[in-house]
Protein backbone atom coordinates (compact mmCIF):
# COMPACT_ATOMS: atom_id res chain seq x y z
CA UNK A 1 6.86 -5.59 39.95
CA UNK A 2 3.60 -3.33 40.89
CA UNK A 3 1.02 -4.45 38.50
CA UNK A 4 -0.02 -0.71 37.64
CA UNK A 5 3.53 -0.04 36.50
CA UNK A 6 3.22 -2.74 34.01
CA UNK A 7 -0.11 -1.80 32.97
CA UNK A 8 1.29 1.60 32.78
CA UNK A 9 4.02 0.81 30.44
CA UNK A 10 1.55 -2.02 28.06
CA UNK A 11 -0.75 1.20 27.92
CA UNK A 12 2.07 3.63 26.57
CA UNK A 13 2.72 0.86 23.97
CA UNK A 14 -0.75 0.80 22.73
CA UNK A 15 -0.95 4.50 23.06
CA UNK A 16 1.98 4.70 20.58
CA UNK A 17 0.25 2.17 18.15
CA UNK A 18 -2.71 4.42 17.96
CA UNK A 19 -0.77 7.46 16.91
CA UNK A 20 1.16 5.37 14.26
CA UNK A 21 -2.09 4.11 12.66
CA UNK A 22 -3.65 7.42 12.57
CA UNK A 23 -0.38 8.97 11.33
CA UNK A 24 -0.78 11.23 14.54
CA UNK A 25 2.58 12.92 14.98
CA UNK A 26 1.40 16.17 17.04
CA UNK A 27 -0.68 13.71 19.16
CA UNK A 28 2.44 11.28 19.61
CA UNK A 29 4.95 13.86 20.81
CA UNK A 30 3.83 14.15 24.24
CA UNK A 31 4.63 10.78 24.94
CA UNK A 32 8.15 11.01 24.07
CA UNK A 33 10.97 13.20 25.76
CA UNK A 34 12.05 16.33 24.15
CA UNK A 35 15.47 14.94 24.52
CA UNK A 36 14.71 11.55 23.79
CA UNK A 37 17.64 9.36 22.03
CA UNK A 38 16.49 6.64 19.40
CA UNK A 39 18.15 3.99 17.06
CA UNK A 40 15.93 3.55 13.87
CA UNK A 41 15.93 2.17 10.48
CA UNK A 42 16.44 5.30 8.77
CA UNK A 43 19.06 7.15 11.39
CA UNK A 44 21.31 4.97 13.20
CA UNK A 45 21.53 7.59 16.30
CA UNK A 46 19.68 10.22 16.53
CA UNK A 47 18.75 12.74 19.69
CA UNK A 48 15.57 14.56 20.09
CA UNK A 49 12.14 14.13 19.55
CA UNK A 50 11.96 16.38 16.59
CA UNK A 51 14.77 14.63 15.00
CA UNK A 52 13.19 11.07 15.54
CA UNK A 53 9.78 12.46 13.97
CA UNK A 54 11.52 14.05 11.06
CA UNK A 55 14.16 11.30 10.17
CA UNK A 56 12.17 8.19 11.50
CA UNK A 57 8.38 8.21 12.15
CA UNK A 58 7.91 10.24 8.96
CA UNK A 59 9.67 7.65 6.99
CA UNK A 60 7.32 5.03 8.32
CA UNK A 61 4.13 6.18 9.70
CA UNK A 62 2.63 7.22 6.33
CA UNK A 63 3.62 4.23 4.25
CA UNK A 64 2.27 1.42 6.56
CA UNK A 65 -0.89 -0.15 7.59
CA UNK A 66 -2.33 -2.12 10.77
CA UNK A 67 0.46 -1.23 12.92
CA UNK A 68 0.07 -3.43 16.29
CA UNK A 69 1.69 -4.76 19.18
CA UNK A 70 1.69 -8.55 19.78
CA UNK A 71 0.20 -9.31 23.40
CA UNK A 72 3.56 -10.48 25.07
CA UNK A 73 4.97 -6.88 25.79
CA UNK A 74 7.84 -7.59 28.74
CA UNK A 75 8.20 -4.92 31.10
CA UNK A 76 11.10 -4.04 33.79
CA UNK A 77 10.65 -1.43 36.18
CA UNK A 78 13.24 0.21 38.58
CA UNK A 79 12.97 -0.30 42.21
CA UNK A 80 11.75 3.44 42.95
CA UNK A 81 9.25 2.96 39.80
CA UNK A 82 10.27 6.01 37.92
CA UNK A 83 11.80 4.31 35.12
CA UNK A 84 10.94 1.34 33.18
CA UNK A 85 11.98 -0.78 30.01
CA UNK A 86 9.06 -2.27 27.47
CA UNK A 87 10.03 -4.93 24.89
CA UNK A 88 8.00 -5.94 22.19
CA UNK A 89 7.17 -7.27 19.05
CA UNK A 90 4.91 -5.28 16.37
CA UNK A 91 3.30 -6.18 13.29
CA UNK A 92 2.53 -4.06 10.27
CA UNK A 93 1.79 -4.18 6.53
CA UNK A 94 4.07 -2.54 4.18
CA UNK A 95 4.03 -1.91 0.46
CA UNK A 96 5.91 -2.61 -2.42
CA UNK A 97 6.43 -0.30 -4.90
CA UNK A 98 3.78 -1.81 -7.36
CA UNK A 99 1.45 -1.76 -4.41
CA UNK A 100 1.63 -5.48 -3.26
CA UNK A 101 1.43 -5.73 0.45
CA UNK A 102 3.99 -7.53 2.56
CA UNK A 103 4.18 -8.87 6.29
CA UNK A 104 6.35 -6.01 8.43
CA UNK A 105 7.27 -7.56 11.68
CA UNK A 106 9.86 -5.87 14.27
CA UNK A 107 11.06 -5.42 17.66
CA UNK A 108 11.15 -2.72 20.10
CA UNK A 109 13.01 -1.51 23.13
CA UNK A 110 11.77 1.38 24.78
CA UNK A 111 13.37 3.05 28.15
CA UNK A 112 10.64 5.06 29.80
CA UNK A 113 10.65 7.27 32.66
CA UNK A 114 8.57 9.89 35.06
CA UNK A 115 9.11 12.18 37.63
CA UNK A 116 6.65 10.67 39.96
CA UNK A 117 4.92 7.32 40.26
CA UNK A 118 1.55 8.88 39.84
CA UNK A 119 2.88 10.60 36.68
CA UNK A 120 2.55 8.88 32.75
CA UNK A 121 5.62 7.38 31.36
CA UNK A 122 7.48 9.19 28.55
CA UNK A 123 9.94 7.45 26.25
CA UNK A 124 13.58 8.69 26.88
CA UNK A 125 15.01 5.89 24.55
CA UNK A 126 13.52 4.05 21.64
CA UNK A 127 15.09 1.04 19.46
CA UNK A 128 13.08 -0.18 16.94
CA UNK A 129 13.82 -2.58 14.09
CA UNK A 130 12.48 -4.84 11.48
CA UNK A 131 13.26 -8.51 11.54
CA UNK A 132 15.89 -9.67 9.33
CA UNK A 133 14.98 -9.78 5.58
CA UNK A 134 12.09 -7.53 6.03
CA UNK A 135 12.10 -4.78 3.16
CA UNK A 136 12.83 -1.06 5.01
CA UNK A 137 11.05 0.67 2.45
CA UNK A 138 7.05 0.70 2.20
CA UNK A 139 5.46 2.78 -0.50
CA UNK A 140 2.09 3.75 0.49
CA UNK A 141 1.34 7.45 1.23
CA UNK A 142 -1.23 7.78 4.09
CA UNK A 143 -2.23 11.29 5.05
CA UNK A 144 -1.14 12.95 8.09
CA UNK A 145 -3.80 13.31 10.80
CA UNK A 146 -5.01 17.10 10.66
């Protein structure tokens, strides 16, 4: 695997973390394909970036803190270097209804694609889920980035 491809996939994951932490939906849109397919906590199967934002991102990003990836993001890249899969474990803090914080770890598999090897990767598929026994709802309410 070309080390620059692995670095580009890991950079994508870190971009996502920055957008989640900032509750920056508008800024995150370009790193996802418009016709992406996603699985998540709040919707079993959704097609389209707008659906992912409305039904998944907006149910999570406002309500958590400290979203970050653990260092060991795994990467696989196709022989033509136009498609990649990244797999990572994330940590964040969720909040019970009474405001009590709790650890909110989970994992993700992201399929990424690009038209040329010098283009940035965009996500065509995401599957993000919490680890077992982690509460799915968090009740903090942070404002969206303007």
